[in-house]
C-alpha cells in the first residue's frame, strides 16, 4: 500500500478547470481514489494511539468512524484529549 500511495501522491496532481487552466493539488487525496480511505486510516492511526496513551487511565473513551471522532468522559479529561 505504501508503494502505491507514495507513487500516487509524491508529486502534485493537476486539476483541470473548465476554462482550460489547471491548478496543482498538493495536499490531501484525490476525490474518487479507491485508496483514499486506507490512506486516511493509516495516517490517523498515530494520532488515535497518542490520544489513547494520553488518556490511558480511562478518564476518556474515544470513538472514531471514517473522518469523525468524539470523546466522552470527565470534563477535564475531554479537555485534555481535545488539547492533545
PDB file of N, CA and C in Angstrom:
ATOM      1  N   UNK A   1       0.830  -1.188   0.000  1.00  0.00           N
ATOM      2  CA  UNK A   1       0.000   0.000   0.000  1.00  0.00           C
ATOM      3  C   UNK A   1       0.874   1.250   0.000  1.00  0.00           C
ATOM      4  N   UNK A   2       1.968   1.213   0.785  1.00  0.00           N
ATOM      5  CA  UNK A   2       2.847   2.382   0.842  1.00  0.00           C
ATOM      6  C   UNK A   2       3.385   2.728  -0.539  1.00  0.00           C
ATOM      7  N   UNK A   3       3.825   1.723  -1.280  1.00  0.00           N
ATOM      8  CA  UNK A   3       4.401   1.978  -2.606  1.00  0.00           C
ATOM      9  C   UNK A   3       3.386   2.660  -3.517  1.00  0.00           C
ATOM     10  N   UNK A   4       2.158   2.178  -3.507  1.00  0.00           N
ATOM     11  CA  UNK A   4       1.121   2.787  -4.336  1.00  0.00           C
ATOM     12  C   UNK A   4       0.883   4.234  -3.919  1.00  0.00           C
ATOM     13  N   UNK A   5       0.690   4.462  -2.627  1.00  0.00           N
ATOM     14  CA  UNK A   5       0.397   5.810  -2.145  1.00  0.00           C
ATOM     15  C   UNK A   5       1.566   6.760  -2.407  1.00  0.00           C
ATOM     16  N   UNK A   6       2.764   6.285  -2.198  1.00  0.00           N
ATOM     17  CA  UNK A   6       3.942   7.123  -2.463  1.00  0.00           C
ATOM     18  C   UNK A   6       4.013   7.504  -3.942  1.00  0.00           C
ATOM     19  N   UNK A   7       3.846   6.530  -4.812  1.00  0.00           N
ATOM     20  CA  UNK A   7       3.900   6.805  -6.249  1.00  0.00           C
ATOM     21  C   UNK A   7       2.754   7.708  -6.695  1.00  0.00           C
ATOM     22  N   UNK A   8       1.609   7.570  -6.085  1.00  0.00           N
ATOM     23  CA  UNK A   8       0.433   8.346  -6.481  1.00  0.00           C
ATOM     24  C   UNK A   8       0.492   9.789  -5.983  1.00  0.00           C
ATOM     25  N   UNK A   9       1.051  10.011  -4.791  1.00  0.00           N
ATOM     26  CA  UNK A   9       0.968  11.328  -4.170  1.00  0.00           C
ATOM     27  C   UNK A   9       2.314  12.017  -3.927  1.00  0.00           C
ATOM     28  N   UNK A  10       3.410  11.503  -4.458  1.00  0.00           N
ATOM     29  CA  UNK A  10       4.686  12.152  -4.196  1.00  0.00           C
ATOM     30  C   UNK A  10       4.892  13.413  -5.034  1.00  0.00           C
ATOM     31  N   UNK A  11       4.074  13.622  -6.052  1.00  0.00           N
ATOM     32  CA  UNK A  11       4.115  14.863  -6.832  1.00  0.00           C
ATOM     33  C   UNK A  11       2.703  15.440  -6.903  1.00  0.00           C
ATOM     34  N   UNK A  12       2.579  16.762  -7.028  1.00  0.00           N
ATOM     35  CA  UNK A  12       1.249  17.378  -7.096  1.00  0.00           C
ATOM     36  C   UNK A  12       0.449  16.866  -8.302  1.00  0.00           C
ATOM     37  N   UNK A  13      -0.859  16.804  -8.121  1.00  0.00           N
ATOM     38  CA  UNK A  13      -1.766  16.373  -9.175  1.00  0.00           C
ATOM     39  C   UNK A  13      -2.345  17.598  -9.872  1.00  0.00           C
ATOM     40  N   UNK A  14      -2.405  17.566 -11.209  1.00  0.00           N
ATOM     41  CA  UNK A  14      -3.016  18.670 -11.942  1.00  0.00           C
ATOM     42  C   UNK A  14      -4.529  18.496 -11.959  1.00  0.00           C
ATOM     43  N   UNK A  15      -5.223  19.550 -11.561  1.00  0.00           N
ATOM     44  CA  UNK A  15      -6.675  19.574 -11.621  1.00  0.00           C
ATOM     45  C   UNK A  15      -7.054  20.579 -12.708  1.00  0.00           C
ATOM     46  N   UNK A  16      -7.747  20.098 -13.710  1.00  0.00           N
ATOM     47  CA  UNK A  16      -8.094  20.941 -14.853  1.00  0.00           C
ATOM     48  C   UNK A  16      -9.402  21.671 -14.595  1.00  0.00           C
ATOM     49  N   UNK A  17      -9.435  22.952 -14.924  1.00  0.00           N
ATOM     50  CA  UNK A  17     -10.604  23.792 -14.754  1.00  0.00           C
ATOM     51  C   UNK A  17     -11.366  23.912 -16.066  1.00  0.00           C
ATOM     52  N   UNK A  18     -12.615  24.368 -15.979  1.00  0.00           N
ATOM     53  CA  UNK A  18     -13.470  24.484 -17.161  1.00  0.00           C
ATOM     54  C   UNK A  18     -12.866  25.359 -18.251  1.00  0.00           C
ATOM     55  N   UNK A  19     -12.155  26.407 -17.862  1.00  0.00           N
ATOM     56  CA  UNK A  19     -11.623  27.343 -18.850  1.00  0.00           C
ATOM     57  C   UNK A  19     -10.308  26.875 -19.486  1.00  0.00           C
ATOM     58  N   UNK A  20      -9.893  25.658 -19.181  1.00  0.00           N
ATOM     59  CA  UNK A  20      -8.669  25.123 -19.765  1.00  0.00           C
ATOM     60  C   UNK A  20      -7.439  25.285 -18.891  1.00  0.00           C
ATOM     61  N   UNK A  21      -7.524  26.137 -17.873  1.00  0.00           N
ATOM     62  CA  UNK A  21      -6.411  26.293 -16.936  1.00  0.00           C
ATOM     63  C   UNK A  21      -6.348  25.084 -16.008  1.00  0.00           C
ATOM     64  N   UNK A  22      -5.317  25.055 -15.217  1.00  0.00           N
ATOM     65  CA  UNK A  22      -5.209  23.993 -14.218  1.00  0.00           C
ATOM     66  C   UNK A  22      -4.580  24.554 -12.940  1.00  0.00           C
ATOM     67  N   UNK A  23      -4.825  23.865 -11.852  1.00  0.00           N
ATOM     68  CA  UNK A  23      -4.189  24.178 -10.576  1.00  0.00           C
ATOM     69  C   UNK A  23      -3.545  22.890 -10.067  1.00  0.00           C
ATOM     70  N   UNK A  24      -2.612  23.037  -9.155  1.00  0.00           N
ATOM     71  CA  UNK A  24      -1.947  21.866  -8.593  1.00  0.00           C
ATOM     72  C   UNK A  24      -2.544  21.528  -7.233  1.00  0.00           C
ATOM     73  N   UNK A  25      -2.930  20.288  -7.077  1.00  0.00           N
ATOM     74  CA  UNK A  25      -3.403  19.794  -5.796  1.00  0.00           C
ATOM     75  C   UNK A  25      -2.191  19.225  -5.063  1.00  0.00           C
ATOM     76  N   UNK A  26      -1.801  19.882  -3.955  1.00  0.00           N
ATOM     77  CA  UNK A  26      -0.572  19.496  -3.283  1.00  0.00           C
ATOM     78  C   UNK A  26      -0.782  18.900  -1.902  1.00  0.00           C
ATOM     79  N   UNK A  27      -2.027  18.778  -1.481  1.00  0.00           N
ATOM     80  CA  UNK A  27      -2.284  18.148  -0.184  1.00  0.00           C
ATOM     81  C   UNK A  27      -3.606  17.410  -0.227  1.00  0.00           C
ATOM     82  N   UNK A  28      -3.758  16.474   0.674  1.00  0.00           N
ATOM     83  CA  UNK A  28      -4.983  15.680   0.689  1.00  0.00           C
ATOM     84  C   UNK A  28      -4.929  14.574  -0.343  1.00  0.00           C
ATOM     85  N   UNK A  29      -6.077  13.967  -0.579  1.00  0.00           N
ATOM     86  CA  UNK A  29      -6.173  12.886  -1.549  1.00  0.00           C
ATOM     87  C   UNK A  29      -7.089  13.310  -2.687  1.00  0.00           C
ATOM     88  N   UNK A  30      -6.956  12.638  -3.791  1.00  0.00           N
ATOM     89  CA  UNK A  30      -7.767  12.933  -4.962  1.00  0.00           C
ATOM     90  C   UNK A  30      -9.143  12.305  -4.797  1.00  0.00           C
ATOM     91  N   UNK A  31     -10.177  13.097  -5.049  1.00  0.00           N
ATOM     92  CA  UNK A  31     -11.527  12.584  -4.928  1.00  0.00           C
ATOM     93  C   UNK A  31     -11.716  11.411  -5.884  1.00  0.00           C
ATOM     94  N   UNK A  32     -12.295  10.346  -5.371  1.00  0.00           N
ATOM     95  CA  UNK A  32     -12.527   9.163  -6.186  1.00  0.00           C
ATOM     96  C   UNK A  32     -11.409   8.146  -6.114  1.00  0.00           C
ATOM     97  N   UNK A  33     -10.312   8.461  -5.443  1.00  0.00           N
ATOM     98  CA  UNK A  33      -9.215   7.499  -5.315  1.00  0.00           C
ATOM     99  C   UNK A  33      -9.656   6.369  -4.394  1.00  0.00           C
ATOM    100  N   UNK A  34      -9.593   5.146  -4.901  1.00  0.00           N
ATOM    101  CA  UNK A  34     -10.026   3.989  -4.109  1.00  0.00           C
ATOM    102  C   UNK A  34      -9.200   3.791  -2.846  1.00  0.00           C
ATOM    103  N   UNK A  35      -7.988   4.284  -2.837  1.00  0.00           N
ATOM    104  CA  UNK A  35      -7.109   4.102  -1.682  1.00  0.00           C
ATOM    105  C   UNK A  35      -7.209   5.249  -0.678  1.00  0.00           C
ATOM    106  N   UNK A  36      -8.068   6.228  -0.919  1.00  0.00           N
ATOM    107  CA  UNK A  36      -8.149   7.401  -0.046  1.00  0.00           C
ATOM    108  C   UNK A  36      -8.489   7.023   1.390  1.00  0.00           C
ATOM    109  N   UNK A  37      -9.448   6.146   1.600  1.00  0.00           N
ATOM    110  CA  UNK A  37      -9.840   5.784   2.958  1.00  0.00           C
ATOM    111  C   UNK A  37      -8.724   5.026   3.674  1.00  0.00           C
ATOM    112  N   UNK A  38      -8.043   4.158   2.949  1.00  0.00           N
ATOM    113  CA  UNK A  38      -6.922   3.431   3.553  1.00  0.00           C
ATOM    114  C   UNK A  38      -5.803   4.393   3.935  1.00  0.00           C
ATOM    115  N   UNK A  39      -5.539   5.365   3.075  1.00  0.00           N
ATOM    116  CA  UNK A  39      -4.503   6.354   3.378  1.00  0.00           C
ATOM    117  C   UNK A  39      -4.888   7.164   4.609  1.00  0.00           C
ATOM    118  N   UNK A  40      -6.140   7.559   4.678  1.00  0.00           N
ATOM    119  CA  UNK A  40      -6.609   8.317   5.837  1.00  0.00           C
ATOM    120  C   UNK A  40      -6.479   7.477   7.107  1.00  0.00           C
ATOM    121  N   UNK A  41      -6.892   6.230   7.038  1.00  0.00           N
ATOM    122  CA  UNK A  41      -6.828   5.356   8.210  1.00  0.00           C
ATOM    123  C   UNK A  41      -5.388   5.173   8.683  1.00  0.00           C
ATOM    124  N   UNK A  42      -4.485   4.963   7.755  1.00  0.00           N
ATOM    125  CA  UNK A  42      -3.075   4.790   8.120  1.00  0.00           C
ATOM    126  C   UNK A  42      -2.473   6.064   8.702  1.00  0.00           C
ATOM    127  N   UNK A  43      -2.871   7.205   8.159  1.00  0.00           N
ATOM    128  CA  UNK A  43      -2.277   8.456   8.630  1.00  0.00           C
ATOM    129  C   UNK A  43      -2.852   8.927   9.956  1.00  0.00           C
ATOM    130  N   UNK A  44      -4.081   8.525  10.292  1.00  0.00           N
ATOM    131  CA  UNK A  44      -4.658   8.942  11.575  1.00  0.00           C
ATOM    132  C   UNK A  44      -4.340   7.970  12.710  1.00  0.00           C
ATOM    133  N   UNK A  45      -3.827   6.801  12.383  1.00  0.00           N
ATOM    134  CA  UNK A  45      -3.521   5.811  13.426  1.00  0.00           C
ATOM    135  C   UNK A  45      -2.566   6.349  14.495  1.00  0.00           C
ATOM    136  N   UNK A  46      -1.486   7.051  14.147  1.00  0.00           N
ATOM    137  CA  UNK A  46      -0.609   7.605  15.191  1.00  0.00           C
ATOM    138  C   UNK A  46      -1.335   8.609  16.093  1.00  0.00           C
ATOM    139  N   UNK A  47      -2.225   9.423  15.529  1.00  0.00           N
ATOM    140  CA  UNK A  47      -2.997  10.365  16.336  1.00  0.00           C
ATOM    141  C   UNK A  47      -3.916   9.629  17.303  1.00  0.00           C
ATOM    142  N   UNK A  48      -4.613   8.623  16.822  1.00  0.00           N
ATOM    143  CA  UNK A  48      -5.514   7.846  17.672  1.00  0.00           C
ATOM    144  C   UNK A  48      -4.731   7.203  18.814  1.00  0.00           C
ATOM    145  N   UNK A  49      -3.568   6.634  18.506  1.00  0.00           N
ATOM    146  CA  UNK A  49      -2.753   5.984  19.533  1.00  0.00           C
ATOM    147  C   UNK A  49      -2.236   6.992  20.559  1.00  0.00           C
ATOM    148  N   UNK A  50      -1.790   8.162  20.096  1.00  0.00           N
ATOM    149  CA  UNK A  50      -1.312   9.195  21.009  1.00  0.00           C
ATOM    150  C   UNK A  50      -2.421   9.648  21.947  1.00  0.00           C
ATOM    151  N   UNK A  51      -3.602   9.894  21.400  1.00  0.00           N
ATOM    152  CA  UNK A  51      -4.726  10.311  22.236  1.00  0.00           C
ATOM    153  C   UNK A  51      -5.114   9.224  23.232  1.00  0.00           C
ATOM    154  N   UNK A  52      -5.040   7.986  22.798  1.00  0.00           N
ATOM    155  CA  UNK A  52      -5.350   6.870  23.683  1.00  0.00           C
ATOM    156  C   UNK A  52      -4.329   6.772  24.818  1.00  0.00           C
ATOM    157  N   UNK A  53      -3.043   6.948  24.494  1.00  0.00           N
ATOM    158  CA  UNK A  53      -1.991   6.889  25.514  1.00  0.00           C
ATOM    159  C   UNK A  53      -2.105   8.035  26.510  1.00  0.00           C
ATOM    160  N   UNK A  54      -2.482   9.225  26.025  1.00  0.00           N
ATOM    161  CA  UNK A  54      -2.605  10.396  26.891  1.00  0.00           C
ATOM    162  C   UNK A  54      -3.741  10.237  27.903  1.00  0.00           C
ATOM    163  N   UNK A  55      -4.734   9.459  27.557  1.00  0.00           N
ATOM    164  CA  UNK A  55      -5.892   9.277  28.444  1.00  0.00           C
ATOM    165  C   UNK A  55      -6.009   7.819  28.865  1.00  0.00           C
ATOM    166  N   UNK A  56      -4.878   7.189  29.103  1.00  0.00           N
ATOM    167  CA  UNK A  56      -4.827   5.755  29.379  1.00  0.00           C
ATOM    168  C   UNK A  56      -5.470   5.359  30.703  1.00  0.00           C
ATOM    169  N   UNK A  57      -5.688   6.295  31.611  1.00  0.00           N
ATOM    170  CA  UNK A  57      -6.265   5.925  32.909  1.00  0.00           C
ATOM    171  C   UNK A  57      -7.796   5.907  32.865  1.00  0.00           C
ATOM    172  N   UNK A  58      -8.354   5.692  31.671  1.00  0.00           N
ATOM    173  CA  UNK A  58      -9.798   5.541  31.466  1.00  0.00           C
ATOM    174  C   UNK A  58     -10.612   6.779  31.798  1.00  0.00           C
ATOM    175  N   UNK A  59     -10.004   7.965  31.781  1.00  0.00           N
ATOM    176  CA  UNK A  59     -10.779   9.166  32.033  1.00  0.00           C
ATOM    177  C   UNK A  59     -11.559   9.601  30.799  1.00  0.00           C
ATOM    178  N   UNK A  60     -11.180   9.089  29.612  1.00  0.00           N
ATOM    179  CA  UNK A  60     -11.865   9.438  28.369  1.00  0.00           C
ATOM    180  C   UNK A  60     -11.973   8.204  27.483  1.00  0.00           C
ATOM    181  N   UNK A  61     -13.132   8.028  26.876  1.00  0.00           N
ATOM    182  CA  UNK A  61     -13.330   6.997  25.850  1.00  0.00           C
ATOM    183  C   UNK A  61     -13.467   7.729  24.525  1.00  0.00           C
ATOM    184  N   UNK A  62     -12.772   7.248  23.508  1.00  0.00           N
ATOM    185  CA  UNK A  62     -12.837   7.885  22.204  1.00  0.00           C
ATOM    186  C   UNK A  62     -13.428   6.933  21.173  1.00  0.00           C
ATOM    187  N   UNK A  63     -14.132   7.518  20.208  1.00  0.00           N
ATOM    188  CA  UNK A  63     -14.743   6.752  19.130  1.00  0.00           C
ATOM    189  C   UNK A  63     -14.366   7.430  17.813  1.00  0.00           C
ATOM    190  N   UNK A  64     -13.950   6.627  16.855  1.00  0.00           N
ATOM    191  CA  UNK A  64     -13.580   7.133  15.536  1.00  0.00           C
ATOM    192  C   UNK A  64     -14.383   6.375  14.496  1.00  0.00           C
ATOM    193  N   UNK A  65     -14.936   7.107  13.531  1.00  0.00           N
ATOM    194  CA  UNK A  65     -15.620   6.497  12.391  1.00  0.00           C
ATOM    195  C   UNK A  65     -15.325   7.358  11.171  1.00  0.00           C
ATOM    196  N   UNK A  66     -14.722   6.768  10.168  1.00  0.00           N
ATOM    197  CA  UNK A  66     -14.335   7.474   8.947  1.00  0.00           C
ATOM    198  C   UNK A  66     -13.528   8.715   9.331  1.00  0.00           C
ATOM    199  N   UNK A  67     -14.011   9.920   9.031  1.00  0.00           N
ATOM    200  CA  UNK A  67     -13.239  11.119   9.357  1.00  0.00           C
ATOM    201  C   UNK A  67     -13.824  11.881  10.537  1.00  0.00           C
ATOM    202  N   UNK A  68     -14.591  11.197  11.369  1.00  0.00           N
ATOM    203  CA  UNK A  68     -15.174  11.817  12.555  1.00  0.00           C
ATOM    204  C   UNK A  68     -14.629  11.164  13.815  1.00  0.00           C
ATOM    205  N   UNK A  69     -14.482  11.976  14.857  1.00  0.00           N
ATOM    206  CA  UNK A  69     -14.069  11.440  16.146  1.00  0.00           C
ATOM    207  C   UNK A  69     -14.845  12.137  17.241  1.00  0.00           C
ATOM    208  N   UNK A  70     -14.962  11.467  18.356  1.00  0.00           N
ATOM    209  CA  UNK A  70     -15.603  12.077  19.516  1.00  0.00           C
ATOM    210  C   UNK A  70     -15.038  11.429  20.770  1.00  0.00           C
ATOM    211  N   UNK A  71     -15.234  12.115  21.875  1.00  0.00           N
ATOM    212  CA  UNK A  71     -14.749  11.604  23.157  1.00  0.00           C
ATOM    213  C   UNK A  71     -15.790  11.884  24.220  1.00  0.00           C
ATOM    214  N   UNK A  72     -15.815  11.033  25.223  1.00  0.00           N
ATOM    215  CA  UNK A  72     -16.723  11.214  26.349  1.00  0.00           C
ATOM    216  C   UNK A  72     -15.963  10.864  27.621  1.00  0.00           C
ATOM    217  N   UNK A  73     -16.237  11.598  28.655  1.00  0.00           N
ATOM    218  CA  UNK A  73     -15.575  11.363  29.929  1.00  0.00           C
ATOM    219  C   UNK A  73     -15.682  12.592  30.797  1.00  0.00           C
ATOM    220  N   UNK A  74     -14.799  12.696  31.761  1.00  0.00           N
ATOM    221  CA  UNK A  74     -14.814  13.868  32.638  1.00  0.00           C
ATOM    222  C   UNK A  74     -14.490  15.108  31.821  1.00  0.00           C
ATOM    223  N   UNK A  75     -14.962  16.255  32.277  1.00  0.00           N
ATOM    224  CA  UNK A  75     -14.707  17.498  31.560  1.00  0.00           C
ATOM    225  C   UNK A  75     -13.203  17.757  31.424  1.00  0.00           C
ATOM    226  N   UNK A  76     -12.480  17.537  32.499  1.00  0.00           N
ATOM    227  CA  UNK A  76     -11.024  17.743  32.466  1.00  0.00           C
ATOM    228  C   UNK A  76     -10.355  16.771  31.481  1.00  0.00           C
ATOM    229  N   UNK A  77     -10.834  15.528  31.471  1.00  0.00           N
ATOM    230  CA  UNK A  77     -10.277  14.525  30.568  1.00  0.00           C
ATOM    231  C   UNK A  77     -10.540  14.845  29.111  1.00  0.00           C
ATOM    232  N   UNK A  78     -11.776  15.250  28.796  1.00  0.00           N
ATOM    233  CA  UNK A  78     -12.124  15.584  27.411  1.00  0.00           C
ATOM    234  C   UNK A  78     -11.352  16.834  26.973  1.00  0.00           C
ATOM    235  N   UNK A  79     -11.181  17.777  27.884  1.00  0.00           N
ATOM    236  CA  UNK A  79     -10.406  18.965  27.551  1.00  0.00           C
ATOM    237  C   UNK A  79      -8.951  18.600  27.228  1.00  0.00           C
ATOM    238  N   UNK A  80      -8.369  17.726  28.035  1.00  0.00           N
ATOM    239  CA  UNK A  80      -7.007  17.260  27.796  1.00  0.00           C
ATOM    240  C   UNK A  80      -6.926  16.531  26.463  1.00  0.00           C
ATOM    241  N   UNK A  81      -7.910  15.693  26.178  1.00  0.00           N
ATOM    242  CA  UNK A  81      -7.970  14.952  24.926  1.00  0.00           C
ATOM    243  C   UNK A  81      -8.027  15.904  23.743  1.00  0.00           C
ATOM    244  N   UNK A  82      -8.870  16.916  23.832  1.00  0.00           N
ATOM    245  CA  UNK A  82      -9.020  17.886  22.761  1.00  0.00           C
ATOM    246  C   UNK A  82      -7.803  18.750  22.544  1.00  0.00           C
ATOM    247  N   UNK A  83      -7.049  18.998  23.606  1.00  0.00           N
ATOM    248  CA  UNK A  83      -5.855  19.844  23.506  1.00  0.00           C
ATOM    249  C   UNK A  83      -4.608  19.080  23.087  1.00  0.00           C
ATOM    250  N   UNK A  84      -4.688  17.763  23.059  1.00  0.00           N
ATOM    251  CA  UNK A  84      -3.520  16.946  22.725  1.00  0.00           C
ATOM    252  C   UNK A  84      -3.184  17.019  21.265  1.00  0.00           C
TER     253      UNK A  84
END
